[in-house]
C-alpha atoms as a PDB file:
ATOM      1  CA  UNK A   1     -29.227 134.333  16.310  1.00  0.00           C
ATOM      2  CA  UNK A   2     -26.221 132.236  17.914  1.00  0.00           C
ATOM      3  CA  UNK A   3     -27.972 129.589  19.809  1.00  0.00           C
ATOM      4  CA  UNK A   4     -25.885 127.787  22.390  1.00  0.00           C
ATOM      5  CA  UNK A   5     -26.185 124.695  24.630  1.00  0.00           C
ATOM      6  CA  UNK A   6     -24.695 125.430  27.976  1.00  0.00           C
ATOM      7  CA  UNK A   7     -24.293 124.746  31.972  1.00  0.00           C
ATOM      8  CA  UNK A   8     -23.840 126.408  34.776  1.00  0.00           C
ATOM      9  CA  UNK A   9     -23.950 123.359  37.026  1.00  0.00           C
ATOM     10  CA  UNK A  10     -25.701 119.951  36.378  1.00  0.00           C
ATOM     11  CA  UNK A  11     -28.539 120.972  34.255  1.00  0.00           C
ATOM     12  CA  UNK A  12     -27.881 121.771  30.752  1.00  0.00           C
ATOM     13  CA  UNK A  13     -30.116 124.900  28.801  1.00  0.00           C
ATOM     14  CA  UNK A  14     -30.186 126.622  25.909  1.00  0.00           C
ATOM     15  CA  UNK A  15     -29.343 130.295  25.273  1.00  0.00           C
ATOM     16  CA  UNK A  16     -28.662 133.103  23.136  1.00  0.00           C
ATOM     17  CA  UNK A  17     -24.985 134.231  22.983  1.00  0.00           C
ATOM     18  CA  UNK A  18     -24.232 138.188  22.266  1.00  0.00           C
ATOM     19  CA  UNK A  19     -20.446 138.235  21.129  1.00  0.00           C
ATOM     20  CA  UNK A  20     -20.583 141.985  21.662  1.00  0.00           C
ATOM     21  CA  UNK A  21     -21.226 141.989  25.076  1.00  0.00           C
ATOM     22  CA  UNK A  22     -19.677 138.492  26.180  1.00  0.00           C
ATOM     23  CA  UNK A  23     -22.722 137.112  27.509  1.00  0.00           C
ATOM     24  CA  UNK A  24     -25.940 134.443  27.237  1.00  0.00           C
ATOM     25  CA  UNK A  25     -29.152 135.454  27.194  1.00  0.00           C
ATOM     26  CA  UNK A  26     -30.711 132.436  29.306  1.00  0.00           C
ATOM     27  CA  UNK A  27     -33.380 131.455  27.163  1.00  0.00           C
ATOM     28  CA  UNK A  28     -34.459 128.539  29.304  1.00  0.00           C
ATOM     29  CA  UNK A  29     -35.177 130.717  32.069  1.00  0.00           C
ATOM     30  CA  UNK A  30     -36.582 133.569  30.461  1.00  0.00           C
ATOM     31  CA  UNK A  31     -39.359 131.170  28.949  1.00  0.00           C
ATOM     32  CA  UNK A  32     -39.631 127.747  30.931  1.00  0.00           C
ATOM     33  CA  UNK A  33     -42.252 126.476  28.464  1.00  0.00           C
ATOM     34  CA  UNK A  34     -39.413 126.163  25.584  1.00  0.00           C
ATOM     35  CA  UNK A  35     -37.423 122.830  25.677  1.00  0.00           C
ATOM     36  CA  UNK A  36     -34.400 122.855  27.741  1.00  0.00           C
ATOM     37  CA  UNK A  37     -32.618 120.475  24.963  1.00  0.00           C
ATOM     38  CA  UNK A  38     -31.803 121.773  21.365  1.00  0.00           C
ATOM     39  CA  UNK A  39     -32.950 119.084  19.527  1.00  0.00           C
ATOM     40  CA  UNK A  40     -35.991 119.651  20.945  1.00  0.00           C
ATOM     41  CA  UNK A  41     -35.964 123.148  20.445  1.00  0.00           C
ATOM     42  CA  UNK A  42     -34.878 122.844  16.624  1.00  0.00           C
ATOM     43  CA  UNK A  43     -38.023 120.495  15.946  1.00  0.00           C
ATOM     44  CA  UNK A  44     -40.538 123.579  17.168  1.00  0.00           C
ATOM     45  CA  UNK A  45     -38.860 125.020  13.854  1.00  0.00           C
ATOM     46  CA  UNK A  46     -40.206 128.911  13.243  1.00  0.00           C
ATOM     47  CA  UNK A  47     -42.212 128.944  15.771  1.00  0.00           C
ATOM     48  CA  UNK A  48     -39.561 127.998  18.606  1.00  0.00           C
ATOM     49  CA  UNK A  49     -37.141 131.222  16.864  1.00  0.00           C
ATOM     50  CA  UNK A  50     -40.122 133.338  16.742  1.00  0.00           C
ATOM     51  CA  UNK A  51     -40.802 132.921  20.638  1.00  0.00           C
ATOM     52  CA  UNK A  52     -36.918 132.894  21.354  1.00  0.00           C
ATOM     53  CA  UNK A  53     -36.977 136.764  19.308  1.00  0.00           C
ATOM     54  CA  UNK A  54     -39.981 137.910  21.452  1.00  0.00           C
ATOM     55  CA  UNK A  55     -38.007 136.717  24.639  1.00  0.00           C
ATOM     56  CA  UNK A  56     -34.991 138.827  23.717  1.00  0.00           C
ATOM     57  CA  UNK A  57     -36.897 141.917  23.497  1.00  0.00           C
ATOM     58  CA  UNK A  58     -38.267 141.267  27.286  1.00  0.00           C
ATOM     59  CA  UNK A  59     -36.490 141.404  30.598  1.00  0.00           C
ATOM     60  CA  UNK A  60     -34.410 138.275  31.359  1.00  0.00           C
ATOM     61  CA  UNK A  61     -31.465 136.675  32.783  1.00  0.00           C
ATOM     62  CA  UNK A  62     -27.802 137.721  31.061  1.00  0.00           C
ATOM     63  CA  UNK A  63     -25.206 135.792  32.212  1.00  0.00           C
ATOM     64  CA  UNK A  64     -21.215 136.553  31.726  1.00  0.00           C
ATOM     65  CA  UNK A  65     -19.944 134.313  29.158  1.00  0.00           C
ATOM     66  CA  UNK A  66     -17.164 133.378  31.237  1.00  0.00           C
ATOM     67  CA  UNK A  67     -19.688 132.237  34.219  1.00  0.00           C
ATOM     68  CA  UNK A  68     -21.285 129.565  31.930  1.00  0.00           C
ATOM     69  CA  UNK A  69     -19.798 126.381  30.468  1.00  0.00           C
ATOM     70  CA  UNK A  70     -20.596 125.898  26.836  1.00  0.00           C
ATOM     71  CA  UNK A  71     -21.247 122.664  25.154  1.00  0.00           C
ATOM     72  CA  UNK A  72     -21.837 121.613  22.050  1.00  0.00           C
ATOM     73  CA  UNK A  73     -24.785 123.310  20.473  1.00  0.00           C
ATOM     74  CA  UNK A  74     -26.101 119.776  19.974  1.00  0.00           C
ATOM     75  CA  UNK A  75     -24.467 117.908  22.993  1.00  0.00           C
ATOM     76  CA  UNK A  76     -25.747 114.749  21.765  1.00  0.00           C
ATOM     77  CA  UNK A  77     -27.193 114.261  18.018  1.00  0.00           C
ATOM     78  CA  UNK A  78     -30.060 111.736  17.834  1.00  0.00           C
ATOM     79  CA  UNK A  79     -28.066 110.094  14.556  1.00  0.00           C
ATOM     80  CA  UNK A  80     -24.665 109.837  13.187  1.00  0.00           C
ATOM     81  CA  UNK A  81     -23.119 113.320  12.067  1.00  0.00           C
ATOM     82  CA  UNK A  82     -23.042 112.713   8.023  1.00  0.00           C
ATOM     83  CA  UNK A  83     -19.846 113.752   6.629  1.00  0.00           C
ATOM     84  CA  UNK A  84     -18.691 114.330   3.082  1.00  0.00           C
ATOM     85  CA  UNK A  85     -15.586 113.602   1.598  1.00  0.00           C
ATOM     86  CA  UNK A  86     -12.827 115.178  -0.582  1.00  0.00           C
ATOM     87  CA  UNK A  87     -15.398 118.096  -1.262  1.00  0.00           C
ATOM     88  CA  UNK A  88     -12.638 120.786  -1.735  1.00  0.00           C
ATOM     89  CA  UNK A  89     -10.572 120.431  -4.972  1.00  0.00           C
ATOM     90  CA  UNK A  90      -7.232 121.785  -3.146  1.00  0.00           C
ATOM     91  CA  UNK A  91      -7.848 119.124  -0.644  1.00  0.00           C
ATOM     92  CA  UNK A  92      -8.331 116.115  -3.460  1.00  0.00           C
ATOM     93  CA  UNK A  93      -4.975 117.266  -4.456  1.00  0.00           C
ATOM     94  CA  UNK A  94      -3.214 116.954  -1.451  1.00  0.00           C
ATOM     95  CA  UNK A  95      -4.239 113.359  -0.624  1.00  0.00           C
ATOM     96  CA  UNK A  96      -3.441 112.300  -3.856  1.00  0.00           C
ATOM     97  CA  UNK A  97      -0.564 110.477  -2.301  1.00  0.00           C
ATOM     98  CA  UNK A  98      -1.968 108.889   0.359  1.00  0.00           C
ATOM     99  CA  UNK A  99      -3.494 105.395   0.877  1.00  0.00           C
ATOM    100  CA  UNK A 100      -6.595 105.394  -1.063  1.00  0.00           C
ATOM    101  CA  UNK A 101      -6.486 108.961  -1.863  1.00  0.00           C
ATOM    102  CA  UNK A 102      -6.941 108.860  -5.566  1.00  0.00           C
ATOM    103  CA  UNK A 103      -6.241 111.006  -8.106  1.00  0.00           C
ATOM    104  CA  UNK A 104      -9.639 112.261  -9.697  1.00  0.00           C
ATOM    105  CA  UNK A 105     -12.222 114.766  -8.442  1.00  0.00           C
ATOM    106  CA  UNK A 106     -15.063 112.591  -6.817  1.00  0.00           C
ATOM    107  CA  UNK A 107     -18.172 112.361  -9.375  1.00  0.00           C
ATOM    108  CA  UNK A 108     -20.505 111.916  -6.369  1.00  0.00           C
ATOM    109  CA  UNK A 109     -20.477 113.130  -2.953  1.00  0.00           C
ATOM    110  CA  UNK A 110     -18.414 110.514  -0.591  1.00  0.00           C
ATOM    111  CA  UNK A 111     -20.217 110.031   2.244  1.00  0.00           C
ATOM    112  CA  UNK A 112     -19.813 108.673   5.584  1.00  0.00           C
ATOM    113  CA  UNK A 113     -20.790 108.720   9.280  1.00  0.00           C
ATOM    114  CA  UNK A 114     -19.226 109.789  12.248  1.00  0.00           C
ATOM    115  CA  UNK A 115     -21.038 108.312  15.936  1.00  0.00           C
ATOM    116  CA  UNK A 116     -22.863 110.647  18.153  1.00  0.00           C
ATOM    117  CA  UNK A 117     -20.530 109.873  20.876  1.00  0.00           C
ATOM    118  CA  UNK A 118     -17.547 112.204  18.946  1.00  0.00           C
ATOM    119  CA  UNK A 119     -19.297 114.981  19.958  1.00  0.00           C
ATOM    120  CA  UNK A 120     -17.458 117.429  22.160  1.00  0.00           C
ATOM    121  CA  UNK A 121     -18.037 121.038  23.009  1.00  0.00           C
ATOM    122  CA  UNK A 122     -15.454 123.833  23.237  1.00  0.00           C
ATOM    123  CA  UNK A 123     -12.570 123.239  25.155  1.00  0.00           C
ATOM    124  CA  UNK A 124     -12.835 119.854  25.847  1.00  0.00           C
ATOM    125  CA  UNK A 125      -9.866 117.532  25.231  1.00  0.00           C
ATOM    126  CA  UNK A 126      -9.556 115.602  21.976  1.00  0.00           C
ATOM    127  CA  UNK A 127      -8.480 112.221  23.397  1.00  0.00           C
ATOM    128  CA  UNK A 128      -5.405 111.593  20.865  1.00  0.00           C
ATOM    129  CA  UNK A 129      -4.428 108.726  23.229  1.00  0.00           C
ATOM    130  CA  UNK A 130      -7.588 106.782  22.236  1.00  0.00           C
ATOM    131  CA  UNK A 131      -6.151 106.629  19.029  1.00  0.00           C
ATOM    132  CA  UNK A 132      -3.557 103.603  18.603  1.00  0.00           C
ATOM    133  CA  UNK A 133      -2.060 104.618  15.673  1.00  0.00           C
ATOM    134  CA  UNK A 134      -0.620 107.620  16.754  1.00  0.00           C
ATOM    135  CA  UNK A 135      -1.920 109.755  13.432  1.00  0.00           C
ATOM    136  CA  UNK A 136      -4.490 112.085  14.869  1.00  0.00           C
ATOM    137  CA  UNK A 137      -5.301 114.796  12.383  1.00  0.00           C
ATOM    138  CA  UNK A 138      -7.759 117.546  12.381  1.00  0.00           C
ATOM    139  CA  UNK A 139     -10.083 118.512   9.614  1.00  0.00           C
ATOM    140  CA  UNK A 140     -11.776 122.127  10.021  1.00  0.00           C
ATOM    141  CA  UNK A 141     -15.183 122.225   8.781  1.00  0.00           C
ATOM    142  CA  UNK A 142     -18.970 124.032   8.281  1.00  0.00           C
ATOM    143  CA  UNK A 143     -21.474 121.900   9.919  1.00  0.00           C
ATOM    144  CA  UNK A 144     -25.063 122.144   8.148  1.00  0.00           C
ATOM    145  CA  UNK A 145     -28.184 121.591  10.821  1.00  0.00           C
ATOM    146  CA  UNK A 146     -31.253 120.492   9.161  1.00  0.00           C
ATOM    147  CA  UNK A 147     -34.410 121.979  10.643  1.00  0.00           C
ATOM    148  CA  UNK A 148     -37.547 120.766   8.423  1.00  0.00           C
ATOM    149  CA  UNK A 149     -36.983 117.414   7.813  1.00  0.00           C
ATOM    150  CA  UNK A 150     -37.958 115.600   4.689  1.00  0.00           C
ATOM    151  CA  UNK A 151     -36.937 112.669   2.175  1.00  0.00           C
ATOM    152  CA  UNK A 152     -36.863 113.630  -1.593  1.00  0.00           C
ATOM    153  CA  UNK A 153     -35.863 116.973  -1.449  1.00  0.00           C
ATOM    154  CA  UNK A 154     -35.248 118.741  -4.592  1.00  0.00           C
ATOM    155  CA  UNK A 155     -32.497 120.554  -5.187  1.00  0.00           C
ATOM    156  CA  UNK A 156     -34.121 124.156  -5.560  1.00  0.00           C
ATOM    157  CA  UNK A 157     -35.771 123.623  -2.121  1.00  0.00           C
ATOM    158  CA  UNK A 158     -33.090 122.358  -0.273  1.00  0.00           C
ATOM    159  CA  UNK A 159     -31.799 125.548   1.627  1.00  0.00           C
ATOM    160  CA  UNK A 160     -35.499 126.030   3.145  1.00  0.00           C
ATOM    161  CA  UNK A 161     -34.734 122.504   5.388  1.00  0.00           C
ATOM    162  CA  UNK A 162     -31.824 124.142   6.703  1.00  0.00           C
ATOM    163  CA  UNK A 163     -31.798 125.319  10.484  1.00  0.00           C
ATOM    164  CA  UNK A 164     -28.478 126.860  10.458  1.00  0.00           C
ATOM    165  CA  UNK A 165     -24.827 126.518  10.305  1.00  0.00           C
ATOM    166  CA  UNK A 166     -22.136 125.266  12.833  1.00  0.00           C
ATOM    167  CA  UNK A 167     -18.391 124.851  13.596  1.00  0.00           C
ATOM    168  CA  UNK A 168     -17.001 121.417  13.599  1.00  0.00           C
ATOM    169  CA  UNK A 169     -13.826 119.308  13.807  1.00  0.00           C
ATOM    170  CA  UNK A 170     -13.617 116.082  11.822  1.00  0.00           C
ATOM    171  CA  UNK A 171     -10.924 114.415  13.622  1.00  0.00           C
ATOM    172  CA  UNK A 172      -9.156 111.371  12.028  1.00  0.00           C
ATOM    173  CA  UNK A 173      -7.330 108.841  13.186  1.00  0.00           C
ATOM    174  CA  UNK A 174      -5.529 108.463   9.924  1.00  0.00           C
ATOM    175  CA  UNK A 175      -3.275 105.029  10.428  1.00  0.00           C
ATOM    176  CA  UNK A 176      -7.100 103.300  11.692  1.00  0.00           C
ATOM    177  CA  UNK A 177      -9.126 104.956   8.526  1.00  0.00           C
ATOM    178  CA  UNK A 178      -6.077 103.319   6.673  1.00  0.00           C
ATOM    179  CA  UNK A 179      -5.784 100.148   8.375  1.00  0.00           C
ATOM    180  CA  UNK A 180      -9.647  98.823   8.201  1.00  0.00           C
ATOM    181  CA  UNK A 181      -9.956 100.133   4.591  1.00  0.00           C
ATOM    182  CA  UNK A 182     -13.069 102.448   5.627  1.00  0.00           C
ATOM    183  CA  UNK A 183     -13.424 105.766   7.707  1.00  0.00           C
ATOM    184  CA  UNK A 184     -15.832 105.067  10.235  1.00  0.00           C
ATOM    185  CA  UNK A 185     -13.529 103.553  12.790  1.00  0.00           C
ATOM    186  CA  UNK A 186     -10.981 105.974  12.276  1.00  0.00           C
ATOM    187  CA  UNK A 187     -13.429 109.024  12.353  1.00  0.00           C
ATOM    188  CA  UNK A 188     -15.471 107.585  15.110  1.00  0.00           C
ATOM    189  CA  UNK A 189     -13.187 107.570  18.452  1.00  0.00           C
ATOM    190  CA  UNK A 190     -14.915 108.957  21.234  1.00  0.00           C
ATOM    191  CA  UNK A 191     -14.392 112.939  21.287  1.00  0.00           C
ATOM    192  CA  UNK A 192     -13.442 112.975  17.852  1.00  0.00           C
ATOM    193  CA  UNK A 193     -16.229 115.354  16.747  1.00  0.00           C
ATOM    194  CA  UNK A 194     -15.681 118.943  18.589  1.00  0.00           C
ATOM    195  CA  UNK A 195     -18.606 121.348  17.651  1.00  0.00           C
ATOM    196  CA  UNK A 196     -19.773 124.782  18.472  1.00  0.00           C
ATOM    197  CA  UNK A 197     -19.241 127.111  19.931  1.00  0.00           C
ATOM    198  CA  UNK A 198     -22.781 128.217  18.856  1.00  0.00           C
ATOM    199  CA  UNK A 199     -25.627 127.480  16.148  1.00  0.00           C
ATOM    200  CA  UNK A 200     -25.805 130.361  13.908  1.00  0.00           C
ATOM    201  CA  UNK A 201     -29.645 130.441  12.724  1.00  0.00           C
ATOM    202  CA  UNK A 202     -30.099 130.358   8.698  1.00  0.00           C
ATOM    203  CA  UNK A 203     -31.694 133.874   8.397  1.00  0.00           C
ATOM    204  CA  UNK A 204     -28.510 135.280   9.722  1.00  0.00           C
ATOM    205  CA  UNK A 205     -26.523 133.898   6.727  1.00  0.00           C
ATOM    206  CA  UNK A 206     -27.877 135.722   3.732  1.00  0.00           C
ATOM    207  CA  UNK A 207     -25.163 133.539   1.689  1.00  0.00           C
ATOM    208  CA  UNK A 208     -23.884 130.797   2.595  1.00  0.00           C
ATOM    209  CA  UNK A 209     -21.298 130.704  -0.065  1.00  0.00           C
ATOM    210  CA  UNK A 210     -19.447 133.523   1.447  1.00  0.00           C
ATOM    211  CA  UNK A 211     -18.666 131.874   4.871  1.00  0.00           C
ATOM    212  CA  UNK A 212     -14.843 130.794   5.407  1.00  0.00           C
ATOM    213  CA  UNK A 213     -13.400 128.250   7.667  1.00  0.00           C
ATOM    214  CA  UNK A 214      -9.724 128.708   9.123  1.00  0.00           C
ATOM    215  CA  UNK A 215      -7.908 126.239  11.008  1.00  0.00           C
ATOM    216  CA  UNK A 216      -4.901 127.019  13.201  1.00  0.00           C
ATOM    217  CA  UNK A 217      -2.893 124.401  15.489  1.00  0.00           C
ATOM    218  CA  UNK A 218      -1.023 126.354  17.974  1.00  0.00           C
ATOM    219  CA  UNK A 219      -1.744 129.531  16.539  1.00  0.00           C
ATOM    220  CA  UNK A 220      -0.390 128.791  13.140  1.00  0.00           C
ATOM    221  CA  UNK A 221      -2.929 128.627   9.701  1.00  0.00           C
ATOM    222  CA  UNK A 222      -3.210 125.429   8.268  1.00  0.00           C
ATOM    223  CA  UNK A 223      -6.674 125.589   6.317  1.00  0.00           C
ATOM    224  CA  UNK A 224      -8.047 128.314   4.749  1.00  0.00           C
ATOM    225  CA  UNK A 225     -11.365 127.645   2.490  1.00  0.00           C
ATOM    226  CA  UNK A 226     -14.868 129.038   1.451  1.00  0.00           C
ATOM    227  CA  UNK A 227     -17.878 127.180   0.744  1.00  0.00           C
ATOM    228  CA  UNK A 228     -17.855 129.219  -2.420  1.00  0.00           C
ATOM    229  CA  UNK A 229     -15.190 126.310  -3.623  1.00  0.00           C
ATOM    230  CA  UNK A 230     -17.077 122.880  -2.228  1.00  0.00           C
ATOM    231  CA  UNK A 231     -17.196 120.487  -5.271  1.00  0.00           C
ATOM    232  CA  UNK A 232     -20.783 119.779  -4.184  1.00  0.00           C
ATOM    233  CA  UNK A 233     -22.312 122.756  -2.952  1.00  0.00           C
ATOM    234  CA  UNK A 234     -25.148 122.311   0.159  1.00  0.00           C
ATOM    235  CA  UNK A 235     -27.987 122.043  -1.925  1.00  0.00           C
ATOM    236  CA  UNK A 236     -26.586 118.815  -3.891  1.00  0.00           C
ATOM    237  CA  UNK A 237     -25.363 117.651  -0.307  1.00  0.00           C
ATOM    238  CA  UNK A 238     -28.986 117.667   0.767  1.00  0.00           C
ATOM    239  CA  UNK A 239     -30.968 116.759  -2.426  1.00  0.00           C
ATOM    240  CA  UNK A 240     -28.319 113.492  -2.442  1.00  0.00           C
ATOM    241  CA  UNK A 241     -28.921 112.514   1.109  1.00  0.00           C
ATOM    242  CA  UNK A 242     -32.429 112.947   1.320  1.00  0.00           C
ATOM    243  CA  UNK A 243     -32.901 111.118  -2.038  1.00  0.00           C
ATOM    244  CA  UNK A 244     -33.623 107.796  -0.037  1.00  0.00           C
ATOM    245  CA  UNK A 245     -32.934 108.988   3.486  1.00  0.00           C
ATOM    246  CA  UNK A 246     -35.296 110.830   5.657  1.00  0.00           C
ATOM    247  CA  UNK A 247     -33.875 113.810   7.004  1.00  0.00           C
ATOM    248  CA  UNK A 248     -34.990 114.512  10.390  1.00  0.00           C
ATOM    249  CA  UNK A 249     -34.757 118.056  12.480  1.00  0.00           C
ATOM    250  CA  UNK A 250     -31.243 118.528  14.039  1.00  0.00           C
ATOM    251  CA  UNK A 251     -28.868 115.883  11.610  1.00  0.00           C
ATOM    252  CA  UNK A 252     -26.006 117.393  11.290  1.00  0.00           C
ATOM    253  CA  UNK A 253     -24.336 116.943   7.795  1.00  0.00           C
ATOM    254  CA  UNK A 254     -20.382 118.259   7.828  1.00  0.00           C
ATOM    255  CA  UNK A 255     -19.593 119.646   4.366  1.00  0.00           C
ATOM    256  CA  UNK A 256     -15.981 118.745   3.778  1.00  0.00           C
ATOM    257  CA  UNK A 257     -12.530 120.594   4.943  1.00  0.00           C
ATOM    258  CA  UNK A 258      -9.995 122.527   2.570  1.00  0.00           C
ATOM    259  CA  UNK A 259      -6.427 121.785   2.296  1.00  0.00           C
ATOM    260  CA  UNK A 260      -3.948 121.703   5.023  1.00  0.00           C
ATOM    261  CA  UNK A 261      -4.983 118.724   6.874  1.00  0.00           C
ATOM    262  CA  UNK A 262      -1.786 117.556   8.938  1.00  0.00           C
ATOM    263  CA  UNK A 263      -1.198 113.874   6.506  1.00  0.00           C
ATOM    264  CA  UNK A 264      -0.889 116.577   3.819  1.00  0.00           C
ATOM    265  CA  UNK A 265       2.527 118.016   5.243  1.00  0.00           C
ATOM    266  CA  UNK A 266       5.494 115.913   4.492  1.00  0.00           C
ATOM    267  CA  UNK A 267       6.494 114.657   7.321  1.00  0.00           C
ATOM    268  CA  UNK A 268       3.044 114.853   8.492  1.00  0.00           C
ATOM    269  CA  UNK A 269       2.115 117.134  11.210  1.00  0.00           C
ATOM    270  CA  UNK A 270      -0.243 114.565  13.398  1.00  0.00           C
ATOM    271  CA  UNK A 271      -1.827 116.442  16.410  1.00  0.00           C
ATOM    272  CA  UNK A 272       0.145 115.845  19.611  1.00  0.00           C
ATOM    273  CA  UNK A 273      -0.578 116.113  23.284  1.00  0.00           C
ATOM    274  CA  UNK A 274      -0.576 119.775  24.467  1.00  0.00           C
ATOM    275  CA  UNK A 275      -1.034 120.981  20.900  1.00  0.00           C
ATOM    276  CA  UNK A 276      -4.484 123.581  20.766  1.00  0.00           C
ATOM    277  CA  UNK A 277      -6.820 123.550  17.411  1.00  0.00           C
ATOM    278  CA  UNK A 278      -8.810 126.700  16.780  1.00  0.00           C
ATOM    279  CA  UNK A 279     -11.332 126.448  13.780  1.00  0.00           C
ATOM    280  CA  UNK A 280     -12.925 129.788  13.167  1.00  0.00           C
ATOM    281  CA  UNK A 281     -15.807 131.011  10.857  1.00  0.00           C
ATOM    282  CA  UNK A 282     -16.001 134.480  11.619  1.00  0.00           C
ATOM    283  CA  UNK A 283     -19.962 134.692  11.709  1.00  0.00           C
ATOM    284  CA  UNK A 284     -20.078 131.675  14.110  1.00  0.00           C
ATOM    285  CA  UNK A 285     -16.979 131.878  16.397  1.00  0.00           C
ATOM    286  CA  UNK A 286     -14.340 130.076  16.940  1.00  0.00           C
ATOM    287  CA  UNK A 287     -14.334 126.273  18.177  1.00  0.00           C
ATOM    288  CA  UNK A 288     -10.936 125.564  20.085  1.00  0.00           C
ATOM    289  CA  UNK A 289      -9.980 122.487  21.622  1.00  0.00           C
ATOM    290  CA  UNK A 290      -6.703 121.194  23.266  1.00  0.00           C
ATOM    291  CA  UNK A 291      -4.940 117.658  22.508  1.00  0.00           C
ATOM    292  CA  UNK A 292      -4.412 115.283  24.829  1.00  0.00           C
END
């Protein structure tokens, strides 16, 4: 299922997106007992999904996609988004010449975080004006959403803890990243993590390694990478993060970005007001945001 958070007015609800018909099944209206917040729904695990599947087979309110406002699938994560740096070989190569870029493949996953306040939904503007260094960059990524939490999750059991997948843009202020000698400030400006348009549940993905992420800026293809190209695959990331940190339902792991970021061009192609960034994962959809 393609789960979405949406609003038709003041209150947000959850639904199921039917891309073929361009409509949303209003799950919150069909089953009022279900949570209306995605984090609470994810916490129900398989029980919640079973209820949703049953509701889809019954009568319910179906809304034209054009009549609703899509939010990020998880509009406000309960914790920082966990992100993996330099996880595509071609991206490692393209940043060699950048400050602190390094020249070798990492021996272990490079982990940083983005604040929950970075999250915005499809169509919302990326506020590049908050970047005082004027070096706002895009990073198209696939996000893994944790379902069943836990600590000390073994690699061979890791995929049992995946609830689903979404698309996100790890927007980065490169100048701030360099200035502060760490990544949090440059990665965590308000609105610097567009997410969506939907959360694709794990049972719909027979082989996550086949998922491909493509980023276009003003229609120009800039990034094109496949999950099978990751240096550290998803089971390894979950095992690494959970070794001493308890993962919780709704946690988001950004798996890394392929080559083609703006900073990798000569001269750099940083985002400018008026640009449009579109990140596509075919099975999930396209996350598009203007830049202001």
